[in-house]
Amino acid sequence: MLYTFLVKIVNPFLNLINGRPKIYNRENIPEGNYIIIAPHRTWMDPVLLALAVWPKKFSFMAKKELFKNPIASKFLKALNAYPVDRKNPGPSAIKKPVTILKKTDLSTIIFPSGSRYSSKLKGGATVIAKMANVPLVPAVYQGPLKFGQLFTRKPRQIAFGKPIYIDRKQRLTPEVQADLEKQMQDAFDQLDRQIDPNYKYIVPPKPKNDEF
């Protein structure tokens, strides 16, 4: 209920201060559950991607430190977020989203690089997709990267690629994993060019006080 309530507040507010977003290739969104994968470019990514495909609802990974405060923990859980130890992820980092994808109507959003300060793709999303038997849906966001920049009216633009399906019988060998990562990166590059052929995202340096 809180998820829906906030969507109905946040979406009109963003449209008021920044205009309606431009969404490309919405027809690529499949039926049922799926995993949106995207380059992590701003802390707003999860919200903006989720809003782009509303009324579909999502679950979210969030670093466990955010759940230390009981009030914050209750709030995050009401938004379908669950804690993950990013330093030592462990099996639960895979099992939890797999369970959600298989047993609820919630899809999920995963940033394969794991951080805004890296462009190197990792394999967690592919493992989760295979175990849950759901497709990966590539997406990219171009637009304001900080909240204050939304007021400049630079448009929010999101493009979705064609789903990537992983055969459940396929072993994720290093070669297969490398091929899937190439498919993801190629999709990101193609979607960026579709929105703006001249677009180039520069990965920012990691702040010294940011553990993740």
N, C-alpha and C. Protein backbone atom coordinates (compact mmCIF):
# COMPACT_ATOMS: atom_id res chain seq x y z
N MET A 1 0.82 -1.20 0.00
CA MET A 1 0.00 0.00 0.00
C MET A 1 0.86 1.26 0.00
N LEU A 2 1.93 1.26 0.83
CA LEU A 2 2.83 2.42 0.87
C LEU A 2 3.50 2.63 -0.48
N TYR A 3 3.87 1.53 -1.13
CA TYR A 3 4.51 1.59 -2.45
C TYR A 3 3.61 2.37 -3.42
N THR A 4 2.34 1.96 -3.52
CA THR A 4 1.40 2.60 -4.42
C THR A 4 1.17 4.06 -4.04
N PHE A 5 1.05 4.32 -2.73
CA PHE A 5 0.82 5.67 -2.23
C PHE A 5 1.96 6.60 -2.66
N LEU A 6 3.21 6.15 -2.50
CA LEU A 6 4.35 6.98 -2.84
C LEU A 6 4.48 7.20 -4.34
N VAL A 7 4.17 6.15 -5.11
CA VAL A 7 4.20 6.30 -6.57
C VAL A 7 3.26 7.42 -7.00
N LYS A 8 2.07 7.45 -6.39
CA LYS A 8 1.07 8.44 -6.79
C LYS A 8 1.41 9.85 -6.30
N ILE A 9 2.41 9.94 -5.43
CA ILE A 9 2.92 11.25 -5.01
C ILE A 9 4.17 11.63 -5.80
N VAL A 10 5.11 10.69 -5.87
CA VAL A 10 6.41 10.98 -6.48
C VAL A 10 6.29 11.22 -7.98
N ASN A 11 5.52 10.40 -8.67
CA ASN A 11 5.43 10.53 -10.13
C ASN A 11 4.89 11.89 -10.56
N PRO A 12 3.76 12.35 -10.03
CA PRO A 12 3.27 13.68 -10.40
C PRO A 12 4.25 14.79 -10.01
N PHE A 13 4.93 14.63 -8.88
CA PHE A 13 5.89 15.64 -8.45
C PHE A 13 7.05 15.74 -9.44
N LEU A 14 7.60 14.60 -9.86
CA LEU A 14 8.70 14.61 -10.83
C LEU A 14 8.24 15.19 -12.16
N ASN A 15 7.03 14.85 -12.57
CA ASN A 15 6.50 15.39 -13.83
C ASN A 15 6.31 16.90 -13.74
N LEU A 16 5.96 17.39 -12.56
CA LEU A 16 5.75 18.83 -12.36
C LEU A 16 7.05 19.60 -12.47
N ILE A 17 8.11 19.09 -11.83
CA ILE A 17 9.36 19.85 -11.80
C ILE A 17 10.26 19.55 -12.99
N ASN A 18 10.04 18.42 -13.66
CA ASN A 18 10.97 18.02 -14.72
C ASN A 18 10.28 17.69 -16.04
N GLY A 19 8.97 17.65 -16.05
CA GLY A 19 8.26 17.24 -17.26
C GLY A 19 8.12 15.73 -17.33
N ARG A 20 7.31 15.26 -18.22
CA ARG A 20 7.10 13.81 -18.35
C ARG A 20 8.35 13.16 -18.95
N PRO A 21 8.70 11.97 -18.48
CA PRO A 21 9.88 11.30 -19.02
C PRO A 21 9.61 10.77 -20.43
N LYS A 22 10.70 10.61 -21.18
CA LYS A 22 10.60 10.00 -22.50
C LYS A 22 10.98 8.53 -22.36
N ILE A 23 10.05 7.65 -22.69
CA ILE A 23 10.27 6.21 -22.55
C ILE A 23 10.32 5.59 -23.94
N TYR A 24 11.39 4.84 -24.21
CA TYR A 24 11.57 4.21 -25.50
C TYR A 24 11.41 2.68 -25.37
N ASN A 25 10.77 2.09 -26.37
CA ASN A 25 10.69 0.62 -26.49
C ASN A 25 9.93 -0.04 -25.34
N ARG A 26 8.90 0.58 -24.87
CA ARG A 26 8.13 -0.03 -23.78
C ARG A 26 7.57 -1.40 -24.20
N GLU A 27 7.42 -1.59 -25.50
CA GLU A 27 6.89 -2.86 -25.99
C GLU A 27 7.83 -4.04 -25.71
N ASN A 28 9.08 -3.75 -25.35
CA ASN A 28 10.03 -4.82 -25.03
C ASN A 28 9.82 -5.41 -23.64
N ILE A 29 8.98 -4.76 -22.82
CA ILE A 29 8.72 -5.27 -21.48
C ILE A 29 7.86 -6.52 -21.58
N PRO A 30 8.33 -7.67 -21.05
CA PRO A 30 7.57 -8.92 -21.17
C PRO A 30 6.46 -9.02 -20.12
N GLU A 31 5.60 -9.98 -20.31
CA GLU A 31 4.59 -10.29 -19.29
C GLU A 31 5.25 -11.02 -18.13
N GLY A 32 4.58 -11.01 -16.98
CA GLY A 32 5.10 -11.73 -15.83
C GLY A 32 6.27 -11.02 -15.18
N ASN A 33 7.04 -11.78 -14.41
CA ASN A 33 8.18 -11.20 -13.71
C ASN A 33 9.43 -11.19 -14.57
N TYR A 34 10.32 -10.28 -14.26
CA TYR A 34 11.57 -10.13 -15.00
C TYR A 34 12.54 -9.33 -14.13
N ILE A 35 13.78 -9.26 -14.60
CA ILE A 35 14.80 -8.47 -13.91
C ILE A 35 15.23 -7.34 -14.84
N ILE A 36 15.02 -6.11 -14.42
CA ILE A 36 15.58 -4.99 -15.17
C ILE A 36 17.06 -4.87 -14.78
N ILE A 37 17.92 -4.85 -15.78
CA ILE A 37 19.35 -4.64 -15.55
C ILE A 37 19.73 -3.32 -16.22
N ALA A 38 20.58 -2.55 -15.56
CA ALA A 38 20.92 -1.23 -16.09
C ALA A 38 22.25 -0.77 -15.53
N PRO A 39 22.93 0.13 -16.25
CA PRO A 39 24.10 0.78 -15.66
C PRO A 39 23.64 1.65 -14.49
N HIS A 40 24.40 1.65 -13.40
CA HIS A 40 24.02 2.42 -12.21
C HIS A 40 24.64 3.81 -12.31
N ARG A 41 23.82 4.82 -12.63
CA ARG A 41 24.33 6.15 -12.92
C ARG A 41 23.95 7.21 -11.89
N THR A 42 22.93 6.94 -11.09
CA THR A 42 22.48 7.89 -10.08
C THR A 42 21.74 7.15 -8.99
N TRP A 43 21.71 7.72 -7.79
CA TRP A 43 20.96 7.08 -6.70
C TRP A 43 19.48 7.03 -7.02
N MET A 44 19.04 7.82 -8.02
CA MET A 44 17.62 7.85 -8.39
C MET A 44 17.24 6.72 -9.34
N ASP A 45 18.23 5.99 -9.87
CA ASP A 45 17.96 4.94 -10.86
C ASP A 45 16.80 4.00 -10.49
N PRO A 46 16.84 3.39 -9.30
CA PRO A 46 15.77 2.43 -8.99
C PRO A 46 14.37 3.04 -9.06
N VAL A 47 14.24 4.25 -8.54
CA VAL A 47 12.93 4.93 -8.55
C VAL A 47 12.49 5.24 -9.97
N LEU A 48 13.40 5.80 -10.76
CA LEU A 48 13.04 6.22 -12.11
C LEU A 48 12.71 5.03 -13.01
N LEU A 49 13.45 3.95 -12.86
CA LEU A 49 13.17 2.76 -13.66
C LEU A 49 11.84 2.13 -13.26
N ALA A 50 11.60 2.06 -11.95
CA ALA A 50 10.34 1.48 -11.47
C ALA A 50 9.14 2.31 -11.92
N LEU A 51 9.26 3.62 -11.88
CA LEU A 51 8.17 4.48 -12.31
C LEU A 51 7.89 4.33 -13.80
N ALA A 52 8.93 4.03 -14.57
CA ALA A 52 8.77 3.95 -16.03
C ALA A 52 7.88 2.80 -16.46
N VAL A 53 7.76 1.77 -15.61
CA VAL A 53 6.94 0.62 -15.99
C VAL A 53 5.77 0.39 -15.02
N TRP A 54 5.47 1.39 -14.20
CA TRP A 54 4.28 1.31 -13.34
C TRP A 54 3.06 1.05 -14.22
N PRO A 55 2.12 0.17 -13.84
CA PRO A 55 1.84 -0.31 -12.48
C PRO A 55 2.56 -1.60 -12.06
N LYS A 56 3.49 -2.09 -12.86
CA LYS A 56 4.28 -3.23 -12.40
C LYS A 56 5.06 -2.81 -11.16
N LYS A 57 5.10 -3.69 -10.16
CA LYS A 57 5.79 -3.37 -8.91
C LYS A 57 7.10 -4.15 -8.80
N PHE A 58 8.03 -3.59 -8.01
CA PHE A 58 9.36 -4.15 -7.90
C PHE A 58 9.81 -4.33 -6.46
N SER A 59 10.74 -5.24 -6.28
CA SER A 59 11.48 -5.35 -5.03
C SER A 59 12.87 -4.78 -5.29
N PHE A 60 13.57 -4.43 -4.21
CA PHE A 60 14.85 -3.75 -4.36
C PHE A 60 15.87 -4.29 -3.35
N MET A 61 17.10 -4.44 -3.80
CA MET A 61 18.20 -4.70 -2.88
C MET A 61 18.64 -3.38 -2.27
N ALA A 62 19.00 -3.40 -0.99
CA ALA A 62 19.52 -2.20 -0.34
C ALA A 62 20.58 -2.63 0.67
N LYS A 63 21.62 -1.84 0.83
CA LYS A 63 22.69 -2.22 1.74
C LYS A 63 22.15 -2.33 3.17
N LYS A 64 22.64 -3.31 3.88
CA LYS A 64 22.08 -3.66 5.18
C LYS A 64 22.17 -2.52 6.18
N GLU A 65 23.13 -1.63 6.02
CA GLU A 65 23.29 -0.53 6.96
C GLU A 65 22.05 0.37 7.03
N LEU A 66 21.30 0.42 5.94
CA LEU A 66 20.11 1.26 5.90
C LEU A 66 18.99 0.71 6.78
N PHE A 67 19.12 -0.55 7.19
CA PHE A 67 18.06 -1.19 7.97
C PHE A 67 18.35 -1.17 9.47
N LYS A 68 19.44 -0.53 9.88
CA LYS A 68 19.80 -0.52 11.30
C LYS A 68 18.79 0.26 12.13
N ASN A 69 18.29 1.35 11.56
CA ASN A 69 17.27 2.14 12.26
C ASN A 69 15.93 1.45 12.10
N PRO A 70 15.24 1.14 13.21
CA PRO A 70 13.96 0.40 13.13
C PRO A 70 12.90 1.09 12.27
N ILE A 71 12.85 2.42 12.35
CA ILE A 71 11.85 3.15 11.57
C ILE A 71 12.19 3.07 10.08
N ALA A 72 13.47 3.28 9.77
CA ALA A 72 13.92 3.20 8.38
C ALA A 72 13.72 1.79 7.84
N SER A 73 14.00 0.80 8.68
CA SER A 73 13.84 -0.60 8.28
C SER A 73 12.39 -0.90 7.92
N LYS A 74 11.47 -0.46 8.76
CA LYS A 74 10.06 -0.70 8.50
C LYS A 74 9.61 0.00 7.22
N PHE A 75 10.10 1.20 7.01
CA PHE A 75 9.76 1.97 5.81
C PHE A 75 10.28 1.28 4.55
N LEU A 76 11.54 0.85 4.58
CA LEU A 76 12.15 0.20 3.43
C LEU A 76 11.44 -1.12 3.09
N LYS A 77 11.12 -1.88 4.13
CA LYS A 77 10.45 -3.17 3.89
C LYS A 77 9.05 -2.95 3.30
N ALA A 78 8.41 -1.85 3.66
CA ALA A 78 7.10 -1.54 3.10
C ALA A 78 7.20 -1.18 1.61
N LEU A 79 8.42 -0.81 1.19
CA LEU A 79 8.67 -0.49 -0.22
C LEU A 79 9.26 -1.69 -0.96
N ASN A 80 9.16 -2.87 -0.34
CA ASN A 80 9.63 -4.13 -0.94
C ASN A 80 11.16 -4.20 -1.04
N ALA A 81 11.85 -3.46 -0.17
CA ALA A 81 13.31 -3.53 -0.14
C ALA A 81 13.75 -4.59 0.86
N TYR A 82 14.90 -5.17 0.63
CA TYR A 82 15.45 -6.17 1.54
C TYR A 82 16.96 -5.96 1.66
N PRO A 83 17.52 -6.27 2.84
CA PRO A 83 18.94 -5.96 3.08
C PRO A 83 19.90 -6.94 2.43
N VAL A 84 21.04 -6.40 1.98
CA VAL A 84 22.12 -7.20 1.41
C VAL A 84 23.44 -6.70 1.96
N ASP A 85 24.27 -7.62 2.38
CA ASP A 85 25.62 -7.28 2.83
C ASP A 85 26.50 -7.19 1.59
N ARG A 86 26.82 -5.98 1.17
CA ARG A 86 27.55 -5.82 -0.08
C ARG A 86 29.02 -6.24 0.03
N LYS A 87 29.56 -6.20 1.24
CA LYS A 87 30.95 -6.62 1.41
C LYS A 87 31.05 -8.14 1.40
N ASN A 88 30.10 -8.79 2.05
CA ASN A 88 30.07 -10.25 2.10
C ASN A 88 28.66 -10.72 1.76
N PRO A 89 28.30 -10.73 0.48
CA PRO A 89 26.91 -10.98 0.10
C PRO A 89 26.35 -12.32 0.57
N GLY A 90 27.10 -13.39 0.43
CA GLY A 90 26.60 -14.69 0.88
C GLY A 90 25.47 -15.21 0.02
N PRO A 91 25.00 -16.44 0.30
CA PRO A 91 23.94 -17.08 -0.49
C PRO A 91 22.62 -16.33 -0.50
N SER A 92 22.32 -15.60 0.58
CA SER A 92 21.02 -14.91 0.67
C SER A 92 20.87 -13.83 -0.40
N ALA A 93 21.99 -13.30 -0.88
CA ALA A 93 21.94 -12.27 -1.91
C ALA A 93 21.38 -12.84 -3.21
N ILE A 94 21.46 -14.15 -3.37
CA ILE A 94 20.89 -14.82 -4.53
C ILE A 94 19.52 -15.40 -4.19
N LYS A 95 19.43 -16.08 -3.05
CA LYS A 95 18.20 -16.80 -2.70
C LYS A 95 17.02 -15.86 -2.49
N LYS A 96 17.25 -14.73 -1.85
CA LYS A 96 16.14 -13.81 -1.55
C LYS A 96 15.46 -13.30 -2.81
N PRO A 97 16.18 -12.71 -3.78
CA PRO A 97 15.49 -12.25 -4.98
C PRO A 97 14.90 -13.39 -5.81
N VAL A 98 15.54 -14.55 -5.81
CA VAL A 98 14.99 -15.69 -6.54
C VAL A 98 13.63 -16.08 -5.96
N THR A 99 13.55 -16.13 -4.63
CA THR A 99 12.28 -16.47 -3.97
C THR A 99 11.20 -15.45 -4.29
N ILE A 100 11.57 -14.17 -4.25
CA ILE A 100 10.60 -13.11 -4.54
C ILE A 100 10.09 -13.23 -5.98
N LEU A 101 11.00 -13.45 -6.91
CA LEU A 101 10.62 -13.55 -8.32
C LEU A 101 9.73 -14.76 -8.59
N LYS A 102 9.97 -15.85 -7.88
CA LYS A 102 9.23 -17.08 -8.12
C LYS A 102 7.88 -17.12 -7.39
N LYS A 103 7.80 -16.48 -6.23
CA LYS A 103 6.62 -16.67 -5.37
C LYS A 103 5.75 -15.43 -5.20
N THR A 104 6.13 -14.30 -5.80
CA THR A 104 5.31 -13.10 -5.71
C THR A 104 5.12 -12.53 -7.11
N ASP A 105 4.39 -11.42 -7.19
CA ASP A 105 4.21 -10.75 -8.49
C ASP A 105 5.16 -9.57 -8.63
N LEU A 106 6.22 -9.56 -7.82
CA LEU A 106 7.20 -8.48 -7.85
C LEU A 106 8.36 -8.83 -8.77
N SER A 107 8.69 -7.94 -9.67
CA SER A 107 9.93 -8.06 -10.44
C SER A 107 11.03 -7.39 -9.63
N THR A 108 12.24 -7.31 -10.18
CA THR A 108 13.31 -6.66 -9.43
C THR A 108 14.22 -5.91 -10.37
N ILE A 109 15.01 -5.03 -9.81
CA ILE A 109 15.98 -4.22 -10.56
C ILE A 109 17.36 -4.52 -10.01
N ILE A 110 18.29 -4.85 -10.89
CA ILE A 110 19.65 -5.14 -10.48
C ILE A 110 20.62 -4.35 -11.36
N PHE A 111 21.62 -3.76 -10.72
CA PHE A 111 22.66 -3.05 -11.44
C PHE A 111 23.88 -3.96 -11.49
N PRO A 112 24.18 -4.56 -12.65
CA PRO A 112 25.24 -5.56 -12.73
C PRO A 112 26.61 -5.08 -12.29
N SER A 113 26.86 -3.77 -12.38
CA SER A 113 28.16 -3.26 -11.92
C SER A 113 28.23 -3.21 -10.39
N GLY A 114 27.05 -3.23 -9.74
CA GLY A 114 26.99 -3.21 -8.29
C GLY A 114 27.24 -1.86 -7.65
N SER A 115 27.68 -0.88 -8.43
CA SER A 115 28.03 0.42 -7.86
C SER A 115 27.98 1.49 -8.93
N ARG A 116 27.75 2.73 -8.49
CA ARG A 116 27.81 3.86 -9.42
C ARG A 116 29.25 4.20 -9.80
N TYR A 117 30.20 3.62 -9.08
CA TYR A 117 31.60 3.98 -9.28
C TYR A 117 32.37 2.89 -10.02
N SER A 118 31.65 2.06 -10.75
CA SER A 118 32.28 1.01 -11.53
C SER A 118 31.44 0.72 -12.76
N SER A 119 32.10 0.33 -13.83
CA SER A 119 31.39 -0.07 -15.05
C SER A 119 31.58 -1.56 -15.33
N LYS A 120 32.35 -2.24 -14.49
CA LYS A 120 32.61 -3.66 -14.69
C LYS A 120 31.40 -4.48 -14.29
N LEU A 121 30.92 -5.31 -15.20
CA LEU A 121 29.73 -6.12 -14.94
C LEU A 121 30.07 -7.36 -14.12
N LYS A 122 29.13 -7.74 -13.26
CA LYS A 122 29.30 -8.93 -12.43
C LYS A 122 28.18 -9.92 -12.75
N GLY A 123 28.32 -11.15 -12.21
CA GLY A 123 27.44 -12.22 -12.65
C GLY A 123 26.20 -12.49 -11.83
N GLY A 124 25.94 -11.73 -10.77
CA GLY A 124 24.80 -12.03 -9.91
C GLY A 124 23.47 -12.04 -10.62
N ALA A 125 23.25 -11.07 -11.51
CA ALA A 125 21.95 -10.96 -12.19
C ALA A 125 21.67 -12.18 -13.05
N THR A 126 22.69 -12.70 -13.71
CA THR A 126 22.48 -13.86 -14.58
C THR A 126 22.15 -15.11 -13.76
N VAL A 127 22.81 -15.27 -12.62
CA VAL A 127 22.54 -16.42 -11.75
C VAL A 127 21.11 -16.36 -11.24
N ILE A 128 20.68 -15.17 -10.79
CA ILE A 128 19.32 -15.00 -10.27
C ILE A 128 18.29 -15.26 -11.37
N ALA A 129 18.55 -14.72 -12.57
CA ALA A 129 17.62 -14.91 -13.68
C ALA A 129 17.48 -16.38 -14.04
N LYS A 130 18.58 -17.10 -14.06
CA LYS A 130 18.53 -18.51 -14.39
C LYS A 130 17.76 -19.29 -13.34
N MET A 131 18.06 -19.06 -12.06
CA MET A 131 17.42 -19.80 -10.98
C MET A 131 15.93 -19.50 -10.88
N ALA A 132 15.56 -18.25 -11.14
CA ALA A 132 14.15 -17.85 -11.06
C ALA A 132 13.41 -18.10 -12.36
N ASN A 133 14.16 -18.42 -13.41
CA ASN A 133 13.57 -18.66 -14.74
C ASN A 133 12.81 -17.44 -15.24
N VAL A 134 13.46 -16.27 -15.16
CA VAL A 134 12.88 -15.03 -15.67
C VAL A 134 13.90 -14.36 -16.59
N PRO A 135 13.44 -13.54 -17.53
CA PRO A 135 14.37 -12.87 -18.44
C PRO A 135 15.01 -11.64 -17.82
N LEU A 136 16.14 -11.26 -18.41
CA LEU A 136 16.79 -10.00 -18.10
C LEU A 136 16.32 -8.96 -19.11
N VAL A 137 15.94 -7.79 -18.63
CA VAL A 137 15.50 -6.72 -19.54
C VAL A 137 16.49 -5.56 -19.43
N PRO A 138 17.35 -5.37 -20.44
CA PRO A 138 18.31 -4.26 -20.38
C PRO A 138 17.60 -2.92 -20.43
N ALA A 139 18.16 -1.94 -19.72
CA ALA A 139 17.60 -0.59 -19.72
C ALA A 139 18.73 0.41 -19.48
N VAL A 140 18.56 1.60 -19.98
CA VAL A 140 19.50 2.68 -19.67
C VAL A 140 18.72 3.94 -19.33
N TYR A 141 19.34 4.75 -18.49
CA TYR A 141 18.76 6.05 -18.12
C TYR A 141 19.72 7.15 -18.52
N GLN A 142 19.20 8.17 -19.15
CA GLN A 142 19.94 9.39 -19.42
C GLN A 142 19.14 10.56 -18.90
N GLY A 143 19.81 11.50 -18.24
CA GLY A 143 19.11 12.64 -17.70
C GLY A 143 19.80 13.17 -16.47
N PRO A 144 19.10 13.97 -15.67
CA PRO A 144 19.69 14.52 -14.45
C PRO A 144 20.20 13.41 -13.53
N LEU A 145 21.38 13.61 -12.97
CA LEU A 145 21.98 12.61 -12.10
C LEU A 145 21.86 12.98 -10.62
N LYS A 146 21.48 14.23 -10.36
CA LYS A 146 21.27 14.68 -8.99
C LYS A 146 19.88 15.29 -8.88
N PHE A 147 19.32 15.24 -7.68
CA PHE A 147 17.95 15.72 -7.52
C PHE A 147 17.80 17.17 -7.96
N GLY A 148 18.76 18.03 -7.58
CA GLY A 148 18.66 19.44 -7.93
C GLY A 148 18.65 19.69 -9.42
N GLN A 149 19.28 18.78 -10.19
CA GLN A 149 19.33 18.95 -11.64
C GLN A 149 17.98 18.71 -12.30
N LEU A 150 17.05 18.07 -11.58
CA LEU A 150 15.72 17.87 -12.15
C LEU A 150 15.03 19.19 -12.45
N PHE A 151 15.37 20.21 -11.69
CA PHE A 151 14.73 21.52 -11.86
C PHE A 151 15.22 22.25 -13.11
N THR A 152 16.29 21.74 -13.74
CA THR A 152 16.80 22.36 -14.97
C THR A 152 15.92 21.99 -16.16
N ARG A 153 15.01 21.03 -15.94
CA ARG A 153 14.09 20.54 -16.98
C ARG A 153 14.80 19.72 -18.04
N LYS A 154 16.07 19.34 -17.81
CA LYS A 154 16.71 18.39 -18.71
C LYS A 154 15.92 17.10 -18.61
N PRO A 155 15.45 16.54 -19.73
CA PRO A 155 14.50 15.43 -19.66
C PRO A 155 15.09 14.14 -19.11
N ARG A 156 14.23 13.40 -18.42
CA ARG A 156 14.56 12.02 -18.03
C ARG A 156 14.22 11.13 -19.23
N GLN A 157 15.19 10.33 -19.64
CA GLN A 157 14.97 9.45 -20.78
C GLN A 157 15.39 8.02 -20.42
N ILE A 158 14.51 7.07 -20.70
CA ILE A 158 14.77 5.67 -20.37
C ILE A 158 14.42 4.81 -21.59
N ALA A 159 15.32 3.90 -21.93
CA ALA A 159 15.07 2.99 -23.05
C ALA A 159 15.22 1.55 -22.57
N PHE A 160 14.33 0.70 -23.07
CA PHE A 160 14.35 -0.72 -22.71
C PHE A 160 14.75 -1.55 -23.92
N GLY A 161 15.63 -2.53 -23.69
CA GLY A 161 16.05 -3.43 -24.76
C GLY A 161 15.23 -4.71 -24.78
N LYS A 162 15.49 -5.53 -25.76
CA LYS A 162 14.80 -6.80 -25.86
C LYS A 162 15.27 -7.75 -24.76
N PRO A 163 14.36 -8.54 -24.21
CA PRO A 163 14.72 -9.44 -23.10
C PRO A 163 15.83 -10.42 -23.49
N ILE A 164 16.66 -10.74 -22.52
CA ILE A 164 17.70 -11.74 -22.67
C ILE A 164 17.26 -12.96 -21.87
N TYR A 165 17.08 -14.08 -22.54
CA TYR A 165 16.62 -15.29 -21.88
C TYR A 165 17.79 -16.24 -21.64
N ILE A 166 17.79 -16.87 -20.48
CA ILE A 166 18.85 -17.81 -20.13
C ILE A 166 18.23 -19.19 -19.97
N ASP A 167 18.73 -20.14 -20.72
CA ASP A 167 18.25 -21.51 -20.65
C ASP A 167 18.59 -22.09 -19.28
N ARG A 168 17.59 -22.59 -18.58
CA ARG A 168 17.81 -23.15 -17.24
C ARG A 168 18.75 -24.36 -17.27
N LYS A 169 18.85 -25.00 -18.42
CA LYS A 169 19.72 -26.16 -18.55
C LYS A 169 21.17 -25.76 -18.88
N GLN A 170 21.35 -24.48 -19.19
CA GLN A 170 22.67 -24.00 -19.58
C GLN A 170 23.55 -23.75 -18.35
N ARG A 171 24.69 -24.38 -18.30
CA ARG A 171 25.64 -24.14 -17.21
C ARG A 171 26.28 -22.77 -17.42
N LEU A 172 26.39 -22.02 -16.34
CA LEU A 172 27.00 -20.69 -16.43
C LEU A 172 28.52 -20.82 -16.30
N THR A 173 29.12 -21.39 -17.31
CA THR A 173 30.57 -21.50 -17.35
C THR A 173 31.16 -20.11 -17.54
N PRO A 174 32.45 -19.92 -17.30
CA PRO A 174 33.06 -18.61 -17.53
C PRO A 174 32.82 -18.09 -18.94
N GLU A 175 32.82 -19.00 -19.92
CA GLU A 175 32.61 -18.58 -21.31
C GLU A 175 31.17 -18.11 -21.52
N VAL A 176 30.22 -18.86 -20.97
CA VAL A 176 28.81 -18.47 -21.09
C VAL A 176 28.56 -17.15 -20.36
N GLN A 177 29.13 -17.03 -19.18
CA GLN A 177 28.97 -15.79 -18.41
C GLN A 177 29.55 -14.60 -19.16
N ALA A 178 30.72 -14.78 -19.76
CA ALA A 178 31.33 -13.70 -20.52
C ALA A 178 30.45 -13.30 -21.70
N ASP A 179 29.84 -14.28 -22.36
CA ASP A 179 28.95 -13.99 -23.49
C ASP A 179 27.72 -13.22 -23.03
N LEU A 180 27.15 -13.60 -21.89
CA LEU A 180 25.98 -12.89 -21.37
C LEU A 180 26.33 -11.46 -20.98
N GLU A 181 27.49 -11.28 -20.37
CA GLU A 181 27.92 -9.94 -20.01
C GLU A 181 28.13 -9.08 -21.25
N LYS A 182 28.64 -9.69 -22.32
CA LYS A 182 28.80 -8.95 -23.58
C LYS A 182 27.44 -8.58 -24.15
N GLN A 183 26.47 -9.50 -24.07
CA GLN A 183 25.11 -9.18 -24.53
C GLN A 183 24.53 -8.00 -23.76
N MET A 184 24.75 -7.99 -22.45
CA MET A 184 24.24 -6.90 -21.62
C MET A 184 24.90 -5.58 -22.00
N GLN A 185 26.23 -5.59 -22.09
CA GLN A 185 26.93 -4.35 -22.42
C GLN A 185 26.58 -3.86 -23.81
N ASP A 186 26.48 -4.77 -24.77
CA ASP A 186 26.09 -4.37 -26.13
C ASP A 186 24.70 -3.74 -26.14
N ALA A 187 23.79 -4.31 -25.32
CA ALA A 187 22.43 -3.76 -25.23
C ALA A 187 22.46 -2.36 -24.63
N PHE A 188 23.25 -2.17 -23.57
CA PHE A 188 23.35 -0.84 -22.95
C PHE A 188 23.88 0.17 -23.97
N ASP A 189 24.92 -0.21 -24.69
CA ASP A 189 25.52 0.71 -25.67
C ASP A 189 24.53 1.06 -26.78
N GLN A 190 23.78 0.06 -27.24
CA GLN A 190 22.81 0.29 -28.31
C GLN A 190 21.69 1.22 -27.83
N LEU A 191 21.22 1.00 -26.61
CA LEU A 191 20.13 1.83 -26.08
C LEU A 191 20.60 3.26 -25.85
N ASP A 192 21.84 3.42 -25.38
CA ASP A 192 22.38 4.77 -25.21
C ASP A 192 22.43 5.50 -26.55
N ARG A 193 22.87 4.78 -27.60
CA ARG A 193 22.94 5.40 -28.93
C ARG A 193 21.55 5.73 -29.45
N GLN A 194 20.56 4.89 -29.11
CA GLN A 194 19.20 5.17 -29.57
C GLN A 194 18.69 6.49 -28.99
N ILE A 195 18.96 6.71 -27.73
CA ILE A 195 18.50 7.94 -27.09
C ILE A 195 19.30 9.14 -27.59
N ASP A 196 20.62 9.00 -27.59
CA ASP A 196 21.50 10.09 -28.00
C ASP A 196 22.81 9.50 -28.53
N PRO A 197 23.02 9.54 -29.84
CA PRO A 197 24.23 8.95 -30.42
C PRO A 197 25.52 9.55 -29.87
N ASN A 198 25.45 10.76 -29.31
CA ASN A 198 26.64 11.43 -28.80
C ASN A 198 26.81 11.28 -27.29
N TYR A 199 25.91 10.53 -26.67
CA TYR A 199 25.97 10.41 -25.21
C TYR A 199 27.17 9.60 -24.76
N LYS A 200 27.82 10.06 -23.71
CA LYS A 200 28.91 9.31 -23.11
C LYS A 200 28.87 9.51 -21.61
N TYR A 201 28.69 8.44 -20.89
CA TYR A 201 28.66 8.51 -19.43
C TYR A 201 30.06 8.27 -18.88
N ILE A 202 30.49 9.15 -18.00
CA ILE A 202 31.81 9.03 -17.38
C ILE A 202 31.62 8.55 -15.95
N VAL A 203 32.20 7.40 -15.62
CA VAL A 203 32.09 6.85 -14.27
C VAL A 203 32.81 7.78 -13.30
N PRO A 204 32.13 8.27 -12.25
CA PRO A 204 32.78 9.18 -11.31
C PRO A 204 33.73 8.44 -10.39
N PRO A 205 34.71 9.14 -9.84
CA PRO A 205 35.61 8.50 -8.87
C PRO A 205 34.86 8.19 -7.58
N LYS A 206 35.23 7.11 -6.96
CA LYS A 206 34.56 6.71 -5.73
C LYS A 206 34.96 7.63 -4.58
N PRO A 207 33.99 8.23 -3.88
CA PRO A 207 34.32 9.09 -2.74
C PRO A 207 35.06 8.31 -1.65
N LYS A 208 36.00 8.98 -1.00
CA LYS A 208 36.79 8.32 0.04
C LYS A 208 35.94 7.86 1.20
N ASN A 209 34.85 8.58 1.48
CA ASN A 209 34.00 8.24 2.62
C ASN A 209 32.87 7.30 2.26
N ASP A 210 32.88 6.80 1.01
CA ASP A 210 31.82 5.87 0.58
C ASP A 210 32.39 4.45 0.60
N GLU A 211 31.83 3.62 1.46
CA GLU A 211 32.35 2.27 1.62
C GLU A 211 31.97 1.37 0.45
N PHE A 212 30.96 1.78 -0.30
CA PHE A 212 30.45 0.90 -1.33
C PHE A 212 30.58 1.53 -2.70
